[in-house]
Amino acid sequence: MHFERLQTQQGNLYLKAMELYGASFPPHEQREASSQAKIMEHGEYQFNLICEENELVGILLCWETEGFIYVEHFCIDPEMRNQKYGQRALELLNRRKKPVILEIDPPEDEVSARRKGFYERAGYAANGFEHLHPPYRAGRGGHRLVVMSHPQRLTQAEYDAFNGYLKETVMGS
């Protein structure tokens, strides 16, 4: 398994990855096409295809800073789930030896509770911070999410640095 970083919106792999993106996240959690095009030019942003051999199995869209990696979007093709691709992708990411931060929906139903369990089994810990992700689309409010991190919980200072980066760079780009 490996990550293949795309730096352009050209080509069939990008189109296939965006189909998966569109099917995996509700519209209020998706960037608009113009925003996606703009951030692909940012040096810290990585639009990673998750590949097994020559097959696309998922996407991992993240921001890598000196101090941490923020996973903005991560999904495995539904036809490829339950084959440990998600676990292996996280293991590959964790080898970068930086704290990894991601957000999940609060575990209020079976699907979101299973998702939280998946990340916990992969070594991620839920943080107790009240966290509101800024809106991706004009006219919408932010949405409450749970911040998870690897290899350990964040300190208040680490959370504050992440949240500032999220608001100013990730969502400001």
Protein backbone atom coordinates (compact mmCIF):
# COMPACT_ATOMS: atom_id res chain seq x y z
CA MET A 1 0.00 0.00 0.00
CA HIS A 2 1.15 3.53 -0.72
CA PHE A 3 -0.09 7.10 -0.98
CA GLU A 4 0.00 8.79 -4.36
CA ARG A 5 -0.16 12.56 -4.05
CA LEU A 6 -2.11 14.42 -6.72
CA GLN A 7 -1.20 18.03 -7.31
CA THR A 8 -3.58 18.76 -10.14
CA GLN A 9 -7.25 18.24 -10.85
CA GLN A 10 -6.44 16.76 -14.24
CA GLY A 11 -6.94 13.12 -15.10
CA ASN A 12 -9.17 10.16 -14.46
CA LEU A 13 -7.69 9.36 -11.04
CA TYR A 14 -8.73 12.77 -9.73
CA LEU A 15 -12.23 12.34 -11.15
CA LYS A 16 -12.54 8.88 -9.61
CA ALA A 17 -11.27 10.18 -6.27
CA MET A 18 -13.79 13.03 -6.34
CA GLU A 19 -16.61 10.56 -7.04
CA LEU A 20 -15.60 8.69 -3.89
CA TYR A 21 -15.35 12.00 -1.99
CA GLY A 22 -18.84 13.04 -3.12
CA ALA A 23 -20.35 9.69 -2.16
CA SER A 24 -18.58 9.48 1.21
CA PHE A 25 -19.28 12.88 2.78
CA PRO A 26 -22.49 14.87 3.12
CA PRO A 27 -22.54 18.12 1.12
CA HIS A 28 -22.07 20.30 4.21
CA GLU A 29 -18.73 18.50 4.87
CA GLN A 30 -17.42 18.91 1.32
CA ARG A 31 -15.39 21.66 -0.24
CA GLU A 32 -16.80 23.33 -3.30
CA ALA A 33 -14.86 22.68 -6.52
CA SER A 34 -13.27 26.15 -6.58
CA SER A 35 -12.05 25.77 -2.99
CA GLN A 36 -10.62 22.31 -3.75
CA ALA A 37 -8.76 23.71 -6.77
CA LYS A 38 -7.30 26.54 -4.71
CA ILE A 39 -6.03 24.42 -1.82
CA MET A 40 -4.32 21.91 -4.11
CA GLU A 41 -1.77 24.66 -4.74
CA HIS A 42 -0.99 24.99 -0.99
CA GLY A 43 2.33 23.41 -0.06
CA GLU A 44 1.05 21.84 3.16
CA TYR A 45 -2.04 20.28 1.58
CA GLN A 46 -1.86 16.71 0.31
CA PHE A 47 -4.54 15.14 -1.88
CA ASN A 48 -3.48 11.53 -1.39
CA LEU A 49 -4.86 8.54 -3.23
CA ILE A 50 -4.62 5.36 -1.17
CA CYS A 51 -3.44 2.67 -3.57
CA GLU A 52 -2.95 -1.05 -3.27
CA GLU A 53 -0.80 -2.17 -6.18
CA ASN A 54 -2.33 -0.08 -8.99
CA GLU A 55 -5.86 0.05 -7.55
CA LEU A 56 -7.45 3.07 -5.88
CA VAL A 57 -8.88 1.93 -2.55
CA GLY A 58 -9.48 5.29 -0.87
CA ILE A 59 -8.43 8.88 -0.32
CA LEU A 60 -6.66 10.67 2.50
CA LEU A 61 -6.75 14.46 2.20
CA CYS A 62 -4.56 16.09 4.81
CA TRP A 63 -2.47 19.07 5.83
CA GLU A 64 1.08 18.39 7.06
CA THR A 65 2.73 21.06 9.17
CA GLU A 66 6.00 20.97 11.10
CA GLY A 67 4.12 20.09 14.28
CA PHE A 68 1.22 17.86 13.23
CA ILE A 69 -0.80 16.28 10.44
CA TYR A 70 -4.48 17.19 10.15
CA VAL A 71 -6.63 14.68 8.28
CA GLU A 72 -9.40 16.71 6.67
CA HIS A 73 -11.06 13.86 4.73
CA PHE A 74 -10.40 10.11 4.83
CA CYS A 75 -12.45 7.32 3.29
CA ILE A 76 -12.15 3.88 1.80
CA ASP A 77 -14.17 2.79 -1.22
CA PRO A 78 -17.28 1.02 0.18
CA GLU A 79 -16.50 -2.05 -1.94
CA MET A 80 -13.06 -2.27 -0.29
CA ARG A 81 -14.13 -1.87 3.34
CA ASN A 82 -13.57 -4.55 5.98
CA GLN A 83 -10.28 -5.59 4.36
CA LYS A 84 -8.03 -3.56 6.71
CA TYR A 85 -7.25 -0.88 4.10
CA GLY A 86 -8.29 1.90 6.49
CA GLN A 87 -6.18 0.51 9.30
CA ARG A 88 -3.18 0.09 7.00
CA ALA A 89 -3.56 3.62 5.62
CA LEU A 90 -3.53 5.06 9.14
CA GLU A 91 -0.47 2.96 10.02
CA LEU A 92 1.28 4.37 6.94
CA LEU A 93 0.37 7.91 7.97
CA ASN A 94 1.47 7.33 11.58
CA ARG A 95 4.97 6.36 10.37
CA ARG A 96 5.60 10.05 9.70
CA LYS A 97 6.27 10.40 13.45
CA LYS A 98 4.09 13.46 13.97
CA PRO A 99 0.89 13.82 15.95
CA VAL A 100 -2.10 13.09 13.71
CA ILE A 101 -5.36 14.95 14.30
CA LEU A 102 -8.74 14.21 12.77
CA GLU A 103 -12.40 14.89 13.49
CA ILE A 104 -15.40 12.58 13.63
CA ASP A 105 -19.10 13.01 14.19
CA PRO A 106 -20.10 12.63 17.84
CA PRO A 107 -20.85 8.94 18.50
CA GLU A 108 -24.62 9.36 18.68
CA ASP A 109 -25.72 6.47 16.45
CA GLU A 110 -24.45 3.03 15.46
CA VAL A 111 -22.41 4.21 12.46
CA SER A 112 -20.67 7.05 14.29
CA ALA A 113 -20.02 4.84 17.34
CA ARG A 114 -18.44 2.18 15.08
CA ARG A 115 -16.30 4.84 13.42
CA LYS A 116 -15.05 6.04 16.80
CA GLY A 117 -14.24 2.43 17.75
CA PHE A 118 -12.30 1.98 14.50
CA TYR A 119 -10.08 4.96 15.31
CA GLU A 120 -9.62 3.87 18.92
CA ARG A 121 -8.48 0.42 17.76
CA ALA A 122 -5.97 2.23 15.52
CA GLY A 123 -4.51 4.00 18.56
CA TYR A 124 -6.41 7.30 18.38
CA ALA A 125 -7.81 8.98 21.48
CA ALA A 126 -10.86 11.22 21.72
CA ASN A 127 -10.18 14.66 23.13
CA GLY A 128 -12.67 16.39 25.40
CA PHE A 129 -12.53 19.81 23.76
CA GLU A 130 -15.76 21.45 22.64
CA HIS A 131 -15.04 21.68 18.94
CA LEU A 132 -16.98 23.38 16.18
CA HIS A 133 -15.72 22.87 12.64
CA PRO A 134 -16.18 26.03 10.54
CA PRO A 135 -18.67 25.75 7.64
CA TYR A 136 -17.49 24.74 4.18
CA ARG A 137 -20.34 26.58 2.49
CA ALA A 138 -21.67 30.11 2.79
CA GLY A 139 -24.90 30.45 4.69
CA ARG A 140 -24.31 27.38 6.83
CA GLY A 141 -23.26 27.14 10.43
CA GLY A 142 -20.35 25.12 11.71
CA HIS A 143 -20.87 21.58 12.93
CA ARG A 144 -19.88 19.99 16.22
CA LEU A 145 -17.25 17.28 15.91
CA VAL A 146 -15.06 15.18 18.20
CA VAL A 147 -11.32 15.74 17.83
CA MET A 148 -9.26 12.54 17.88
CA SER A 149 -5.48 12.35 17.94
CA HIS A 150 -2.62 9.88 17.69
CA PRO A 151 -0.48 8.82 19.50
CA GLN A 152 -2.05 10.54 22.51
CA ARG A 153 -4.57 13.17 23.56
CA LEU A 154 -3.75 16.80 22.82
CA THR A 155 -2.82 19.33 25.44
CA GLN A 156 -4.82 22.56 25.53
CA ALA A 157 -1.93 24.37 23.78
CA GLU A 158 -1.77 21.71 21.03
CA TYR A 159 -5.53 21.88 20.51
CA ASP A 160 -5.42 25.68 20.38
CA ALA A 161 -2.63 25.56 17.75
CA PHE A 162 -4.60 23.04 15.68
CA ASN A 163 -7.88 24.96 15.97
CA GLY A 164 -6.17 28.21 14.96
CA TYR A 165 -4.59 26.49 11.96
CA LEU A 166 -7.96 24.97 11.02
CA LYS A 167 -9.70 28.35 11.08
CA GLU A 168 -6.96 30.48 9.53
CA THR A 169 -5.22 28.19 7.04
CA VAL A 170 -7.41 25.17 6.25
CA MET A 171 -10.68 27.05 6.07
CA GLY A 172 -9.11 30.40 5.15
CA SER A 173 -7.43 29.02 2.03
